[in-house]
PDB file of all heavy atoms in Angstrom:
ATOM      1  N   ILE A   1       0.875  -1.165   0.000  1.00  0.00           N
ATOM      2  CA  ILE A   1       0.000   0.000   0.000  1.00  0.00           C
ATOM      3  C   ILE A   1       0.913   1.216   0.000  1.00  0.00           C
ATOM      4  O   ILE A   1       2.022   1.163   0.558  1.00  0.00           O
ATOM      5  CB  ILE A   1      -0.943  -0.003   1.239  1.00  0.00           C
ATOM      6  CG1 ILE A   1      -1.988   1.124   1.152  1.00  0.00           C
ATOM      7  CG2 ILE A   1      -0.169   0.053   2.536  1.00  0.00           C
ATOM      8  CD1 ILE A   1      -3.062   1.037   2.243  1.00  0.00           C
ATOM      9  N   VAL A   2       0.524   2.302  -0.636  1.00  0.00           N
ATOM     10  CA  VAL A   2       1.365   3.499  -0.644  1.00  0.00           C
ATOM     11  C   VAL A   2       1.457   4.067   0.764  1.00  0.00           C
ATOM     12  O   VAL A   2       0.444   4.227   1.450  1.00  0.00           O
ATOM     13  CB  VAL A   2       0.810   4.562  -1.613  1.00  0.00           C
ATOM     14  CG1 VAL A   2       1.672   5.830  -1.561  1.00  0.00           C
ATOM     15  CG2 VAL A   2       0.761   4.019  -3.033  1.00  0.00           C
ATOM     16  N   ARG A   3       2.686   4.355   1.172  1.00  0.00           N
ATOM     17  CA  ARG A   3       2.939   4.916   2.500  1.00  0.00           C
ATOM     18  C   ARG A   3       3.856   6.128   2.371  1.00  0.00           C
ATOM     19  O   ARG A   3       4.808   6.102   1.581  1.00  0.00           O
ATOM     20  CB  ARG A   3       3.575   3.850   3.408  1.00  0.00           C
ATOM     21  CG  ARG A   3       2.604   2.783   3.863  1.00  0.00           C
ATOM     22  CD  ARG A   3       3.273   1.471   4.221  1.00  0.00           C
ATOM     23  NE  ARG A   3       3.515   0.641   3.035  1.00  0.00           N
ATOM     24  CZ  ARG A   3       4.005  -0.597   3.082  1.00  0.00           C
ATOM     25  NH1 ARG A   3       4.349  -1.134   4.246  1.00  0.00           N
ATOM     26  NH2 ARG A   3       4.170  -1.290   1.975  1.00  0.00           N
ATOM     27  N   ILE A   4       3.578   7.166   3.158  1.00  0.00           N
ATOM     28  CA  ILE A   4       4.323   8.424   3.080  1.00  0.00           C
ATOM     29  C   ILE A   4       4.676   8.876   4.488  1.00  0.00           C
ATOM     30  O   ILE A   4       3.819   8.867   5.388  1.00  0.00           O
ATOM     31  CB  ILE A   4       3.495   9.528   2.385  1.00  0.00           C
ATOM     32  CG1 ILE A   4       3.134   9.115   0.950  1.00  0.00           C
ATOM     33  CG2 ILE A   4       4.247  10.852   2.375  1.00  0.00           C
ATOM     34  CD1 ILE A   4       2.173  10.071   0.273  1.00  0.00           C
ATOM     35  N   SER A   5       5.936   9.295   4.681  1.00  0.00           N
ATOM     36  CA  SER A   5       6.335   9.830   5.981  1.00  0.00           C
ATOM     37  C   SER A   5       7.565  10.707   5.826  1.00  0.00           C
ATOM     38  O   SER A   5       8.200  10.757   4.770  1.00  0.00           O
ATOM     39  CB  SER A   5       6.646   8.692   6.965  1.00  0.00           C
ATOM     40  OG  SER A   5       7.912   8.120   6.675  1.00  0.00           O
ATOM     41  N   ASP A   6       7.916  11.385   6.915  1.00  0.00           N
ATOM     42  CA  ASP A   6       9.155  12.161   6.964  1.00  0.00           C
ATOM     43  C   ASP A   6      10.280  11.377   7.627  1.00  0.00           C
ATOM     44  O   ASP A   6      11.319  11.926   7.971  1.00  0.00           O
ATOM     45  CB  ASP A   6       8.947  13.514   7.661  1.00  0.00           C
ATOM     46  CG  ASP A   6       8.169  13.407   8.961  1.00  0.00           C
ATOM     47  OD1 ASP A   6       7.978  12.276   9.466  1.00  0.00           O
ATOM     48  OD2 ASP A   6       7.732  14.454   9.481  1.00  0.00           O
ATOM     49  N   GLY A   7      10.059  10.073   7.791  1.00  0.00           N
ATOM     50  CA  GLY A   7      11.073   9.215   8.389  1.00  0.00           C
ATOM     51  C   GLY A   7      11.855   8.427   7.359  1.00  0.00           C
ATOM     52  O   GLY A   7      11.846   8.732   6.168  1.00  0.00           O
ATOM     53  N   ARG A   8      12.526   7.396   7.840  1.00  0.00           N
ATOM     54  CA  ARG A   8      13.338   6.528   6.994  1.00  0.00           C
ATOM     55  C   ARG A   8      12.750   5.120   7.011  1.00  0.00           C
ATOM     56  O   ARG A   8      11.819   4.835   7.753  1.00  0.00           O
ATOM     57  CB  ARG A   8      14.781   6.469   7.518  1.00  0.00           C
ATOM     58  CG  ARG A   8      15.497   7.807   7.547  1.00  0.00           C
ATOM     59  CD  ARG A   8      16.905   7.671   8.139  1.00  0.00           C
ATOM     60  NE  ARG A   8      16.891   7.179   9.509  1.00  0.00           N
ATOM     61  CZ  ARG A   8      17.360   6.000   9.906  1.00  0.00           C
ATOM     62  NH1 ARG A   8      17.914   5.169   9.023  1.00  0.00           N
ATOM     63  NH2 ARG A   8      17.306   5.636  11.169  1.00  0.00           N
ATOM     64  N   MET A   9      13.324   4.247   6.195  1.00  0.00           N
ATOM     65  CA  MET A   9      13.039   2.822   6.337  1.00  0.00           C
ATOM     66  C   MET A   9      14.344   2.058   6.196  1.00  0.00           C
ATOM     67  O   MET A   9      15.321   2.545   5.615  1.00  0.00           O
ATOM     68  CB  MET A   9      12.015   2.337   5.313  1.00  0.00           C
ATOM     69  CG  MET A   9      12.515   2.113   3.900  1.00  0.00           C
ATOM     70  SD  MET A   9      11.241   1.338   2.862  1.00  0.00           S
ATOM     71  CE  MET A   9      12.130   1.181   1.308  1.00  0.00           C
ATOM     72  N   SER A  10      14.349   0.857   6.726  1.00  0.00           N
ATOM     73  CA  SER A  10      15.530   0.015   6.608  1.00  0.00           C
ATOM     74  C   SER A  10      15.831  -0.248   5.148  1.00  0.00           C
ATOM     75  O   SER A  10      14.923  -0.407   4.324  1.00  0.00           O
ATOM     76  CB  SER A  10      15.284  -1.311   7.332  1.00  0.00           C
ATOM     77  OG  SER A  10      16.294  -2.245   6.998  1.00  0.00           O
ATOM     78  N   GLY A  11      17.116  -0.330   4.826  1.00  0.00           N
ATOM     79  CA  GLY A  11      17.502  -0.680   3.467  1.00  0.00           C
ATOM     80  C   GLY A  11      17.098  -2.084   3.088  1.00  0.00           C
ATOM     81  O   GLY A  11      17.095  -2.445   1.914  1.00  0.00           O
ATOM     82  N   THR A  12      16.745  -2.897   4.091  1.00  0.00           N
ATOM     83  CA  THR A  12      16.315  -4.268   3.817  1.00  0.00           C
ATOM     84  C   THR A  12      14.827  -4.351   3.500  1.00  0.00           C
ATOM     85  O   THR A  12      14.327  -5.417   3.151  1.00  0.00           O
ATOM     86  CB  THR A  12      16.606  -5.169   5.035  1.00  0.00           C
ATOM     87  OG1 THR A  12      15.785  -4.761   6.138  1.00  0.00           O
ATOM     88  CG2 THR A  12      18.061  -5.089   5.451  1.00  0.00           C
ATOM     89  N   ALA A  13      14.115  -3.230   3.644  1.00  0.00           N
ATOM     90  CA  ALA A  13      12.661  -3.232   3.489  1.00  0.00           C
ATOM     91  C   ALA A  13      12.261  -3.044   2.031  1.00  0.00           C
ATOM     92  O   ALA A  13      13.075  -2.723   1.163  1.00  0.00           O
ATOM     93  CB  ALA A  13      12.041  -2.148   4.363  1.00  0.00           C
ATOM     94  N   PHE A  14      10.979  -3.214   1.770  1.00  0.00           N
ATOM     95  CA  PHE A  14      10.460  -3.145   0.407  1.00  0.00           C
ATOM     96  C   PHE A  14       9.037  -2.605   0.462  1.00  0.00           C
ATOM     97  O   PHE A  14       8.378  -2.615   1.506  1.00  0.00           O
ATOM     98  CB  PHE A  14      10.487  -4.526  -0.248  1.00  0.00           C
ATOM     99  CG  PHE A  14       9.891  -5.612   0.623  1.00  0.00           C
ATOM    100  CD1 PHE A  14       8.538  -5.908   0.575  1.00  0.00           C
ATOM    101  CD2 PHE A  14      10.687  -6.309   1.530  1.00  0.00           C
ATOM    102  CE1 PHE A  14       7.988  -6.878   1.387  1.00  0.00           C
ATOM    103  CE2 PHE A  14      10.141  -7.283   2.369  1.00  0.00           C
ATOM    104  CZ  PHE A  14       8.792  -7.563   2.297  1.00  0.00           C
ATOM    105  N   GLY A  15       8.558  -2.122  -0.673  1.00  0.00           N
ATOM    106  CA  GLY A  15       7.199  -1.592  -0.751  1.00  0.00           C
ATOM    107  C   GLY A  15       7.188  -0.220  -1.405  1.00  0.00           C
ATOM    108  O   GLY A  15       8.234   0.399  -1.636  1.00  0.00           O
ATOM    109  N   THR A  16       5.975   0.270  -1.691  1.00  0.00           N
ATOM    110  CA  THR A  16       5.802   1.581  -2.336  1.00  0.00           C
ATOM    111  C   THR A  16       5.748   2.629  -1.234  1.00  0.00           C
ATOM    112  O   THR A  16       4.675   3.005  -0.749  1.00  0.00           O
ATOM    113  CB  THR A  16       4.524   1.572  -3.190  1.00  0.00           C
ATOM    114  OG1 THR A  16       4.524   0.394  -4.021  1.00  0.00           O
ATOM    115  CG2 THR A  16       4.447   2.811  -4.064  1.00  0.00           C
ATOM    116  N   ILE A  17       6.918   3.081  -0.846  1.00  0.00           N
ATOM    117  CA  ILE A  17       7.054   3.874   0.375  1.00  0.00           C
ATOM    118  C   ILE A  17       7.821   5.159   0.074  1.00  0.00           C
ATOM    119  O   ILE A  17       8.982   5.125  -0.352  1.00  0.00           O
ATOM    120  CB  ILE A  17       7.770   3.062   1.471  1.00  0.00           C
ATOM    121  CG1 ILE A  17       6.988   1.765   1.741  1.00  0.00           C
ATOM    122  CG2 ILE A  17       7.908   3.873   2.742  1.00  0.00           C
ATOM    123  CD1 ILE A  17       7.685   0.805   2.668  1.00  0.00           C
ATOM    124  N   VAL A  18       7.179   6.291   0.316  1.00  0.00           N
ATOM    125  CA  VAL A  18       7.788   7.609   0.130  1.00  0.00           C
ATOM    126  C   VAL A  18       8.376   8.048   1.465  1.00  0.00           C
ATOM    127  O   VAL A  18       7.684   8.074   2.486  1.00  0.00           O
ATOM    128  CB  VAL A  18       6.752   8.634  -0.378  1.00  0.00           C
ATOM    129  CG1 VAL A  18       7.386  10.014  -0.513  1.00  0.00           C
ATOM    130  CG2 VAL A  18       6.163   8.173  -1.714  1.00  0.00           C
ATOM    131  N   LEU A  19       9.646   8.422   1.444  1.00  0.00           N
ATOM    132  CA  LEU A  19      10.408   8.697   2.662  1.00  0.00           C
ATOM    133  C   LEU A  19      11.066  10.066   2.601  1.00  0.00           C
ATOM    134  O   LEU A  19      11.114  10.710   1.559  1.00  0.00           O
ATOM    135  CB  LEU A  19      11.497   7.634   2.828  1.00  0.00           C
ATOM    136  CG  LEU A  19      11.027   6.180   2.835  1.00  0.00           C
ATOM    137  CD1 LEU A  19      12.147   5.261   2.396  1.00  0.00           C
ATOM    138  CD2 LEU A  19      10.513   5.798   4.210  1.00  0.00           C
ATOM    139  N   HIS A  20      11.606  10.484   3.760  1.00  0.00           N
ATOM    140  CA  HIS A  20      12.453  11.686   3.867  1.00  0.00           C
ATOM    141  C   HIS A  20      11.704  12.946   3.412  1.00  0.00           C
ATOM    142  O   HIS A  20      12.325  13.875   2.894  1.00  0.00           O
ATOM    143  CB  HIS A  20      13.730  11.567   3.039  1.00  0.00           C
ATOM    144  CG  HIS A  20      14.527  10.324   3.271  1.00  0.00           C
ATOM    145  ND1 HIS A  20      15.751  10.115   2.658  1.00  0.00           N
ATOM    146  CD2 HIS A  20      14.313   9.224   4.024  1.00  0.00           C
ATOM    147  CE1 HIS A  20      16.236   8.945   3.025  1.00  0.00           C
ATOM    148  NE2 HIS A  20      15.368   8.384   3.860  1.00  0.00           N
ATOM    149  N   VAL A  21      10.390  12.992   3.592  1.00  0.00           N
ATOM    150  CA  VAL A  21       9.637  14.183   3.183  1.00  0.00           C
ATOM    151  C   VAL A  21      10.220  15.399   3.907  1.00  0.00           C
ATOM    152  O   VAL A  21      10.309  15.430   5.141  1.00  0.00           O
ATOM    153  CB  VAL A  21       8.146  14.021   3.487  1.00  0.00           C
ATOM    154  CG1 VAL A  21       7.406  15.338   3.291  1.00  0.00           C
ATOM    155  CG2 VAL A  21       7.544  12.940   2.593  1.00  0.00           C
ATOM    156  N   THR A  22      10.628  16.398   3.121  1.00  0.00           N
ATOM    157  CA  THR A  22      11.326  17.571   3.653  1.00  0.00           C
ATOM    158  C   THR A  22      10.646  18.856   3.180  1.00  0.00           C
ATOM    159  O   THR A  22      10.308  18.965   2.003  1.00  0.00           O
ATOM    160  CB  THR A  22      12.792  17.567   3.160  1.00  0.00           C
ATOM    161  OG1 THR A  22      13.406  16.311   3.538  1.00  0.00           O
ATOM    162  CG2 THR A  22      13.588  18.704   3.757  1.00  0.00           C
ATOM    163  N   PRO A  23      10.435  19.826   4.098  1.00  0.00           N
ATOM    164  CA  PRO A  23      10.744  19.782   5.529  1.00  0.00           C
ATOM    165  C   PRO A  23       9.785  18.870   6.296  1.00  0.00           C
ATOM    166  O   PRO A  23       8.662  18.633   5.865  1.00  0.00           O
ATOM    167  CB  PRO A  23      10.597  21.245   5.959  1.00  0.00           C
ATOM    168  CG  PRO A  23       9.670  21.841   4.962  1.00  0.00           C
ATOM    169  CD  PRO A  23       9.910  21.137   3.676  1.00  0.00           C
ATOM    170  N   GLU A  24      10.256  18.395   7.436  1.00  0.00           N
ATOM    171  CA  GLU A  24       9.471  17.450   8.230  1.00  0.00           C
ATOM    172  C   GLU A  24       8.285  18.140   8.902  1.00  0.00           C
ATOM    173  O   GLU A  24       8.246  19.366   9.061  1.00  0.00           O
ATOM    174  CB  GLU A  24      10.359  16.788   9.280  1.00  0.00           C
ATOM    175  CG  GLU A  24      10.908  17.743  10.340  1.00  0.00           C
ATOM    176  CD  GLU A  24      11.653  17.022  11.461  1.00  0.00           C
ATOM    177  OE1 GLU A  24      11.051  16.126  12.066  1.00  0.00           O
ATOM    178  OE2 GLU A  24      12.825  17.379  11.716  1.00  0.00           O
ATOM    179  N   SER A  25       7.342  17.334   9.348  1.00  0.00           N
ATOM    180  CA  SER A  25       6.123  17.858   9.963  1.00  0.00           C
ATOM    181  C   SER A  25       6.402  18.549  11.287  1.00  0.00           C
ATOM    182  O   SER A  25       5.723  19.531  11.636  1.00  0.00           O
ATOM    183  CB  SER A  25       5.097  16.736  10.156  1.00  0.00           C
ATOM    184  OG  SER A  25       5.660  15.649  10.858  1.00  0.00           O
ATOM    185  N   ALA A  26       7.407  18.093  12.033  1.00  0.00           N
ATOM    186  CA  ALA A  26       7.660  18.647  13.363  1.00  0.00           C
ATOM    187  C   ALA A  26       8.155  20.081  13.333  1.00  0.00           C
ATOM    188  O   ALA A  26       8.147  20.762  14.371  1.00  0.00           O
ATOM    189  CB  ALA A  26       8.671  17.779  14.117  1.00  0.00           C
ATOM    190  N   ILE A  27       8.584  20.577  12.172  1.00  0.00           N
ATOM    191  CA  ILE A  27       9.000  21.980  12.080  1.00  0.00           C
ATOM    192  C   ILE A  27       8.036  22.787  11.198  1.00  0.00           C
ATOM    193  O   ILE A  27       8.354  23.888  10.772  1.00  0.00           O
ATOM    194  CB  ILE A  27      10.444  22.128  11.574  1.00  0.00           C
ATOM    195  CG1 ILE A  27      10.592  21.618  10.136  1.00  0.00           C
ATOM    196  CG2 ILE A  27      11.412  21.390  12.507  1.00  0.00           C
ATOM    197  CD1 ILE A  27      11.938  21.954   9.509  1.00  0.00           C
ATOM    198  N   GLY A  28       6.894  22.186  10.917  1.00  0.00           N
ATOM    199  CA  GLY A  28       5.869  22.932  10.186  1.00  0.00           C
ATOM    200  C   GLY A  28       5.830  22.699   8.701  1.00  0.00           C
ATOM    201  O   GLY A  28       5.207  23.467   7.959  1.00  0.00           O
ATOM    202  N   GLY A  29       6.473  21.627   8.227  1.00  0.00           N
ATOM    203  CA  GLY A  29       6.396  21.295   6.810  1.00  0.00           C
ATOM    204  C   GLY A  29       4.968  20.966   6.409  1.00  0.00           C
ATOM    205  O   GLY A  29       4.120  20.674   7.260  1.00  0.00           O
ATOM    206  N   PRO A  30       4.664  21.004   5.107  1.00  0.00           N
ATOM    207  CA  PRO A  30       3.295  20.740   4.654  1.00  0.00           C
ATOM    208  C   PRO A  30       2.714  19.424   5.149  1.00  0.00           C
ATOM    209  O   PRO A  30       1.498  19.310   5.338  1.00  0.00           O
ATOM    210  CB  PRO A  30       3.430  20.741   3.130  1.00  0.00           C
ATOM    211  CG  PRO A  30       4.598  21.627   2.847  1.00  0.00           C
ATOM    212  CD  PRO A  30       5.549  21.386   3.983  1.00  0.00           C
ATOM    213  N   LEU A  31       3.569  18.442   5.387  1.00  0.00           N
ATOM    214  CA  LEU A  31       3.083  17.153   5.886  1.00  0.00           C
ATOM    215  C   LEU A  31       2.311  17.307   7.191  1.00  0.00           C
ATOM    216  O   LEU A  31       1.381  16.539   7.481  1.00  0.00           O
ATOM    217  CB  LEU A  31       4.270  16.201   6.084  1.00  0.00           C
ATOM    218  CG  LEU A  31       3.937  14.742   6.411  1.00  0.00           C
ATOM    219  CD1 LEU A  31       3.300  14.046   5.216  1.00  0.00           C
ATOM    220  CD2 LEU A  31       5.202  13.995   6.839  1.00  0.00           C
ATOM    221  N   ALA A  32       2.687  18.317   7.981  1.00  0.00           N
ATOM    222  CA  ALA A  32       2.019  18.543   9.269  1.00  0.00           C
ATOM    223  C   ALA A  32       0.535  18.847   9.112  1.00  0.00           C
ATOM    224  O   ALA A  32      -0.255  18.632  10.044  1.00  0.00           O
ATOM    225  CB  ALA A  32       2.711  19.683  10.016  1.00  0.00           C
ATOM    226  N   HIS A  33       0.142  19.327   7.948  1.00  0.00           N
ATOM    227  CA  HIS A  33      -1.225  19.819   7.776  1.00  0.00           C
ATOM    228  C   HIS A  33      -2.099  18.901   6.916  1.00  0.00           C
ATOM    229  O   HIS A  33      -3.210  19.265   6.537  1.00  0.00           O
ATOM    230  CB  HIS A  33      -1.172  21.222   7.184  1.00  0.00           C
ATOM    231  CG  HIS A  33      -0.297  22.147   7.966  1.00  0.00           C
ATOM    232  ND1 HIS A  33      -0.544  22.463   9.287  1.00  0.00           N
ATOM    233  CD2 HIS A  33       0.869  22.786   7.642  1.00  0.00           C
ATOM    234  CE1 HIS A  33       0.413  23.273   9.728  1.00  0.00           C
ATOM    235  NE2 HIS A  33       1.273  23.476   8.758  1.00  0.00           N
ATOM    236  N   VAL A  34      -1.584  17.692   6.636  1.00  0.00           N
ATOM    237  CA  VAL A  34      -2.396  16.708   5.919  1.00  0.00           C
ATOM    238  C   VAL A  34      -3.446  16.147   6.879  1.00  0.00           C
ATOM    239  O   VAL A  34      -3.158  15.867   8.038  1.00  0.00           O
ATOM    240  CB  VAL A  34      -1.520  15.567   5.364  1.00  0.00           C
ATOM    241  CG1 VAL A  34      -2.387  14.549   4.621  1.00  0.00           C
ATOM    242  CG2 VAL A  34      -0.434  16.111   4.454  1.00  0.00           C
ATOM    243  N   ARG A  35      -4.657  15.960   6.378  1.00  0.00           N
ATOM    244  CA  ARG A  35      -5.741  15.401   7.177  1.00  0.00           C
ATOM    245  C   ARG A  35      -6.307  14.162   6.500  1.00  0.00           C
ATOM    246  O   ARG A  35      -6.277  14.049   5.272  1.00  0.00           O
ATOM    247  CB  ARG A  35      -6.843  16.441   7.377  1.00  0.00           C
ATOM    248  CG  ARG A  35      -6.405  17.644   8.198  1.00  0.00           C
ATOM    249  CD  ARG A  35      -7.538  18.649   8.356  1.00  0.00           C
ATOM    250  NE  ARG A  35      -7.106  19.806   9.148  1.00  0.00           N
ATOM    251  CZ  ARG A  35      -7.865  20.876   9.380  1.00  0.00           C
ATOM    252  NH1 ARG A  35      -9.101  20.932   8.869  1.00  0.00           N
ATOM    253  NH2 ARG A  35      -7.399  21.875  10.122  1.00  0.00           N
ATOM    254  N   SER A  36      -6.818  13.253   7.297  1.00  0.00           N
ATOM    255  CA  SER A  36      -7.477  12.071   6.735  1.00  0.00           C
ATOM    256  C   SER A  36      -8.591  12.510   5.799  1.00  0.00           C
ATOM    257  O   SER A  36      -9.368  13.419   6.114  1.00  0.00           O
ATOM    258  CB  SER A  36      -8.035  11.189   7.855  1.00  0.00           C
ATOM    259  OG  SER A  36      -6.988  10.559   8.561  1.00  0.00           O
ATOM    260  N   GLY A  37      -8.652  11.878   4.658  1.00  0.00           N
ATOM    261  CA  GLY A  37      -9.643  12.234   3.641  1.00  0.00           C
ATOM    262  C   GLY A  37      -9.094  13.094   2.530  1.00  0.00           C
ATOM    263  O   GLY A  37      -9.688  13.159   1.441  1.00  0.00           O
TER     264      GLY A  37
END
């Protein structure tokens, strides 16, 4: 399933995963303001 975060994943992992979203949510990046739906 598509997954999105401002974190990392192990290099051993697999999947449709978007990582390292910058700037991160904890400093007010756009990711902070995403809502369900």
